[in-house]
N, C-alpha and C. Protein backbone atom coordinates (compact mmCIF):
# COMPACT_ATOMS: atom_id res chain seq x y z
N MET A 1 -28.25 27.89 14.32
CA MET A 1 -27.71 28.66 13.17
C MET A 1 -26.11 27.95 12.55
N PRO A 2 -26.70 28.42 10.77
CA PRO A 2 -25.47 27.84 10.32
C PRO A 2 -24.54 28.90 10.13
N VAL A 3 -23.63 28.17 10.48
CA VAL A 3 -22.04 29.17 10.43
C VAL A 3 -21.21 29.40 9.08
N ILE A 4 -21.06 30.15 8.84
CA ILE A 4 -20.02 30.18 7.60
C ILE A 4 -18.55 30.14 7.88
N ALA A 5 -17.41 29.32 7.12
CA ALA A 5 -16.44 29.85 7.66
C ALA A 5 -15.69 30.21 6.51
N PHE A 6 -14.83 31.32 6.45
CA PHE A 6 -13.84 31.45 5.24
C PHE A 6 -12.41 31.26 5.63
N ILE A 7 -11.53 30.86 4.57
CA ILE A 7 -10.41 30.86 5.08
C ILE A 7 -9.51 31.13 4.26
N SER A 8 -8.42 31.74 4.35
CA SER A 8 -7.30 32.66 3.62
C SER A 8 -7.20 32.29 2.19
N VAL A 9 -6.54 32.92 1.82
CA VAL A 9 -6.01 32.31 0.37
C VAL A 9 -4.41 31.96 0.28
N GLU A 10 -3.56 31.55 2.05
CA GLU A 10 -2.30 31.20 2.02
C GLU A 10 -2.86 29.99 2.77
N GLU A 11 -3.92 29.63 3.66
CA GLU A 11 -4.48 28.42 4.22
C GLU A 11 -4.84 27.27 2.92
N HIS A 12 -5.65 28.17 2.07
CA HIS A 12 -6.26 27.27 1.06
C HIS A 12 -5.03 27.08 0.16
N GLU A 13 -3.64 27.66 -0.25
CA GLU A 13 -2.76 27.27 -1.00
C GLU A 13 -2.15 26.10 -0.55
N ALA A 14 -1.90 26.01 1.22
CA ALA A 14 -0.92 25.38 1.87
C ALA A 14 -1.92 24.02 1.88
N ALA A 15 -3.06 24.05 1.86
CA ALA A 15 -4.17 22.50 2.37
C ALA A 15 -3.75 21.99 0.73
N ILE A 16 -3.88 22.77 -0.75
CA ILE A 16 -3.67 21.89 -1.72
C ILE A 16 -2.09 21.61 -1.55
N SER A 17 -1.74 22.11 -1.49
CA SER A 17 0.21 21.73 -1.60
C SER A 17 0.17 20.55 -0.88
N GLY A 18 -0.18 20.59 0.77
CA GLY A 18 -0.61 19.68 1.36
C GLY A 18 -1.10 17.92 0.62
N LEU A 19 -2.19 18.24 -0.09
CA LEU A 19 -2.54 17.11 -0.62
C LEU A 19 -1.97 16.88 -2.17
N ARG A 20 -1.35 17.71 -2.59
CA ARG A 20 -0.33 17.18 -3.79
C ARG A 20 0.57 16.35 -3.85
N ALA A 21 1.42 17.19 -2.42
CA ALA A 21 2.24 15.98 -1.69
C ALA A 21 2.35 14.57 -1.54
N GLU A 22 0.84 14.95 -0.80
CA GLU A 22 0.65 13.41 -0.32
C GLU A 22 -0.08 12.50 -1.74
N PHE A 23 -0.94 13.07 -2.59
CA PHE A 23 -0.96 12.48 -3.85
C PHE A 23 0.14 11.89 -4.60
N ARG A 24 1.24 12.58 -4.64
CA ARG A 24 2.32 12.30 -5.20
C ARG A 24 3.31 10.94 -5.26
N ASP A 25 2.89 11.27 -3.20
CA ASP A 25 3.81 10.13 -2.67
C ASP A 25 3.06 8.44 -3.05
N MET A 26 1.67 8.88 -2.87
CA MET A 26 0.97 7.41 -3.45
C MET A 26 1.10 6.92 -4.64
N LEU A 27 1.12 8.16 -5.75
CA LEU A 27 1.32 7.70 -6.96
C LEU A 27 2.61 6.93 -6.81
N SER A 28 3.83 7.84 -6.25
CA SER A 28 5.36 7.02 -6.80
C SER A 28 5.10 5.54 -5.95
N ALA A 29 4.21 5.45 -4.87
CA ALA A 29 4.62 4.08 -4.21
C ALA A 29 3.83 3.10 -5.08
N TYR A 30 3.07 3.69 -5.80
CA TYR A 30 2.42 2.67 -6.80
C TYR A 30 2.88 2.67 -8.56
N VAL A 31 3.18 3.45 -8.83
CA VAL A 31 3.20 3.90 -10.06
C VAL A 31 5.17 3.61 -10.16
N THR A 32 5.92 2.52 -10.64
CA THR A 32 7.25 2.58 -10.51
C THR A 32 7.96 1.51 -11.50
N ASP A 33 8.81 1.70 -12.19
CA ASP A 33 9.50 1.27 -13.00
C ASP A 33 10.28 -0.69 -12.55
N HIS A 34 10.51 -0.62 -10.85
CA HIS A 34 10.29 -1.50 -10.33
C HIS A 34 9.19 -2.82 -10.76
N GLU A 35 9.89 -4.23 -10.93
CA GLU A 35 9.12 -5.13 -10.89
C GLU A 35 8.01 -5.78 -10.20
N GLN A 36 7.18 -5.76 -10.50
CA GLN A 36 5.15 -6.47 -9.70
C GLN A 36 6.07 -7.10 -8.87
N TRP A 37 6.36 -7.89 -9.30
CA TRP A 37 6.38 -9.13 -8.07
C TRP A 37 7.61 -8.77 -7.60
N VAL A 38 8.26 -9.28 -6.06
CA VAL A 38 9.06 -8.92 -5.30
C VAL A 38 9.56 -9.66 -4.68
N THR A 39 10.67 -10.13 -3.95
CA THR A 39 10.69 -11.29 -3.05
C THR A 39 10.38 -10.99 -2.11
N THR A 40 10.70 -12.12 -0.69
CA THR A 40 9.88 -12.20 0.94
C THR A 40 10.40 -11.02 1.72
N GLU A 41 11.88 -10.77 1.48
CA GLU A 41 12.37 -9.74 2.24
C GLU A 41 11.66 -8.91 1.65
N ARG A 42 11.82 -8.21 0.25
CA ARG A 42 11.08 -7.07 -0.38
C ARG A 42 9.93 -6.62 0.13
N ALA A 43 9.13 -7.48 0.30
CA ALA A 43 7.56 -7.92 0.66
C ALA A 43 7.09 -7.31 2.01
N ALA A 44 8.26 -8.28 2.95
CA ALA A 44 8.16 -7.72 4.26
C ALA A 44 8.65 -6.25 4.57
N GLU A 45 9.79 -6.04 3.54
CA GLU A 45 9.64 -4.23 4.11
C GLU A 45 8.73 -3.24 3.23
N LEU A 46 8.01 -4.09 2.14
CA LEU A 46 7.14 -3.08 1.84
C LEU A 46 5.59 -2.97 2.73
N ALA A 47 5.75 -4.35 2.97
CA ALA A 47 4.71 -4.10 4.37
C ALA A 47 5.09 -3.77 5.97
N ASP A 48 6.38 -3.58 5.63
CA ASP A 48 6.12 -3.24 7.24
C ASP A 48 5.98 -4.11 8.41
N ILE A 49 6.78 -5.33 7.92
CA ILE A 49 6.04 -6.46 8.73
C ILE A 49 6.98 -7.61 8.82
N SER A 50 7.72 -8.52 10.12
CA SER A 50 8.41 -9.45 9.73
C SER A 50 8.03 -10.31 8.98
N ARG A 51 9.20 -11.25 8.34
CA ARG A 51 9.66 -12.16 7.28
C ARG A 51 8.27 -13.48 7.92
N SER A 52 8.77 -13.25 9.10
CA SER A 52 7.62 -14.53 9.80
C SER A 52 5.92 -14.24 9.60
N THR A 53 6.04 -12.68 10.24
CA THR A 53 4.24 -12.56 10.17
C THR A 53 3.76 -12.63 8.51
N LEU A 54 4.77 -12.07 7.89
CA LEU A 54 4.47 -12.44 6.62
C LEU A 54 4.00 -13.69 5.83
N VAL A 55 4.47 -14.68 5.94
CA VAL A 55 4.54 -16.41 5.65
C VAL A 55 3.44 -16.97 6.37
N LYS A 56 3.25 -16.59 7.95
CA LYS A 56 2.46 -16.83 8.45
C LYS A 56 0.89 -16.40 8.55
N PHE A 57 1.20 -15.57 8.34
CA PHE A 57 -0.27 -14.63 8.68
C PHE A 57 -0.62 -13.45 7.85
N ALA A 58 -0.07 -12.98 7.11
CA ALA A 58 0.31 -11.96 6.11
C ALA A 58 -0.29 -12.55 4.20
N ARG A 59 -0.22 -13.17 4.26
CA ARG A 59 -0.24 -13.69 2.19
C ARG A 59 -1.60 -14.57 2.58
N ALA A 60 -2.08 -14.65 1.36
CA ALA A 60 -3.16 -15.10 0.89
C ALA A 60 -3.17 -16.79 1.18
N SER A 61 -3.85 -17.05 1.63
CA SER A 61 -4.19 -18.87 1.93
C SER A 61 -3.37 -19.52 0.79
N ALA A 62 -3.79 -19.03 -0.36
CA ALA A 62 -3.46 -20.12 -1.53
C ALA A 62 -2.57 -19.24 -2.72
N PRO A 63 -1.13 -19.87 -3.50
CA PRO A 63 -0.43 -18.69 -4.33
C PRO A 63 -1.57 -18.34 -5.66
N ASP A 64 -2.00 -17.24 -5.66
CA ASP A 64 -2.56 -16.71 -7.02
C ASP A 64 -3.48 -16.85 -6.68
N THR A 65 -4.07 -16.27 -5.64
CA THR A 65 -5.16 -16.27 -4.81
C THR A 65 -5.56 -15.00 -4.45
N LYS A 66 -6.29 -13.89 -4.93
CA LYS A 66 -6.30 -12.41 -4.48
C LYS A 66 -7.24 -12.53 -3.36
N GLN A 67 -6.73 -12.02 -2.02
CA GLN A 67 -8.06 -12.14 -0.66
C GLN A 67 -7.79 -10.95 -0.15
N GLU A 68 -8.98 -9.82 0.15
CA GLU A 68 -9.06 -8.48 0.94
C GLU A 68 -8.68 -8.90 2.02
N GLY A 69 -7.52 -7.67 2.32
CA GLY A 69 -6.79 -7.56 3.49
C GLY A 69 -5.29 -8.66 3.90
N ARG A 70 -5.50 -9.44 2.47
CA ARG A 70 -4.34 -10.31 2.26
C ARG A 70 -2.87 -10.33 1.50
N ILE A 71 -1.81 -10.70 1.21
CA ILE A 71 -0.63 -10.44 0.52
C ILE A 71 -1.02 -11.45 -0.74
N THR A 72 -1.26 -10.95 -2.23
CA THR A 72 -1.29 -11.74 -2.86
C THR A 72 0.82 -12.18 -3.33
N TYR A 73 0.45 -13.77 -3.47
CA TYR A 73 1.92 -14.26 -3.83
C TYR A 73 1.56 -15.42 -4.79
N LYS A 74 2.83 -15.60 -5.28
CA LYS A 74 2.81 -16.69 -5.95
C LYS A 74 4.00 -17.59 -6.30
N LYS A 75 4.20 -18.70 -6.42
CA LYS A 75 5.40 -19.48 -6.39
C LYS A 75 6.04 -19.80 -7.63
N GLU A 76 7.30 -20.03 -7.50
CA GLU A 76 8.38 -20.04 -8.68
C GLU A 76 9.58 -21.34 -8.66
N GLY A 77 8.80 -22.11 -8.36
CA GLY A 77 9.34 -23.25 -8.01
C GLY A 77 9.26 -23.71 -6.37
N THR A 78 10.41 -23.31 -5.66
CA THR A 78 10.21 -22.89 -4.11
C THR A 78 10.56 -21.71 -3.63
N LYS A 79 10.63 -20.93 -4.38
CA LYS A 79 10.48 -19.34 -4.22
C LYS A 79 9.04 -18.84 -4.20
N SER A 80 8.82 -17.84 -3.61
CA SER A 80 7.53 -16.98 -3.22
C SER A 80 8.02 -15.71 -4.04
N LEU A 81 7.08 -15.29 -4.51
CA LEU A 81 7.53 -14.18 -5.25
C LEU A 81 5.60 -13.21 -4.82
N TYR A 82 6.12 -11.86 -4.24
CA TYR A 82 4.74 -11.30 -3.64
C TYR A 82 4.61 -9.74 -4.28
N CYS A 83 3.60 -9.87 -4.68
CA CYS A 83 3.03 -8.81 -5.54
C CYS A 83 3.20 -6.92 -4.77
N ARG A 84 3.40 -6.63 -5.50
CA ARG A 84 3.94 -5.30 -5.06
C ARG A 84 2.65 -4.33 -4.18
N SER A 85 1.89 -4.13 -4.98
CA SER A 85 0.52 -3.15 -4.97
C SER A 85 -0.05 -3.79 -3.47
N SER A 86 0.10 -5.28 -3.74
CA SER A 86 -0.71 -6.05 -2.59
C SER A 86 -0.22 -5.90 -1.12
N CYS A 87 1.38 -5.44 -1.32
CA CYS A 87 1.83 -5.37 -0.02
C CYS A 87 1.48 -3.71 0.85
N ILE A 88 1.68 -3.12 -0.61
CA ILE A 88 1.24 -1.83 -0.35
C ILE A 88 0.09 -1.80 0.80
N ASP A 89 -0.68 -1.85 -0.19
CA ASP A 89 -2.26 -2.44 0.15
C ASP A 89 -2.34 -2.83 1.67
N TYR A 90 -1.59 -3.66 2.06
CA TYR A 90 -1.84 -4.51 2.87
C TYR A 90 -1.44 -3.43 4.50
N LYS A 91 0.22 -2.67 4.05
CA LYS A 91 0.20 -1.56 4.79
C LYS A 91 -0.68 -0.46 5.32
N ARG A 92 -1.22 0.00 4.35
CA ARG A 92 -2.55 0.70 4.33
C ARG A 92 -3.82 0.37 4.83
N LEU A 93 -3.94 -0.77 4.79
CA LEU A 93 -4.75 -1.17 5.69
C LEU A 93 -4.68 -1.37 6.68
N LYS A 94 -3.46 -1.56 7.35
CA LYS A 94 -2.98 -2.12 8.53
C LYS A 94 -3.07 -0.33 9.00
N ALA A 95 -2.87 0.02 8.73
CA ALA A 95 -2.69 2.00 9.10
C ALA A 95 -4.14 2.26 9.54
N GLY A 96 -5.28 1.49 8.82
CA GLY A 96 -6.76 1.90 8.67
C GLY A 96 -6.67 3.17 7.67
N ARG A 97 -6.56 3.11 7.02
CA ARG A 97 -6.45 3.78 5.34
C ARG A 97 -6.65 2.94 4.60
N PRO A 98 -7.60 3.19 3.05
CA PRO A 98 -7.74 2.22 2.09
C PRO A 98 -7.07 2.05 1.38
N ALA A 99 -7.24 0.47 0.91
CA ALA A 99 -6.94 0.03 -0.09
C ALA A 99 -6.89 1.08 -1.32
N LEU A 100 -6.00 1.08 -1.79
CA LEU A 100 -5.83 1.83 -3.60
C LEU A 100 -5.87 0.88 -5.06
N ALA A 101 -5.40 -0.17 -4.61
CA ALA A 101 -5.06 -1.06 -5.80
C ALA A 101 -6.15 -1.97 -6.37
N ALA A 102 -6.38 -1.92 -7.57
CA ALA A 102 -7.31 -2.56 -8.11
C ALA A 102 -7.53 -4.35 -7.70
């Protein structure tokens, strides 16, 4: 037999407030005034991994290559710069959450 459950106005408001806060946090992580390309140290911090893990396992197989579940990067001389949104997506995927960047 189907069951109909009702929630109170307070429970509804609390749930909506929680969703708004989560959305605001996600939006501020992706939409920012910061540069799109970050240094190796900042990329490791954003992805919540060590520098060596970033360089050896997490980044894409080649510069300027987008790969599912990997961090996009580019080379400027000998320096590597990492896509900020790609680092955030990597962390989300590692935590079992969907990536959001297009």
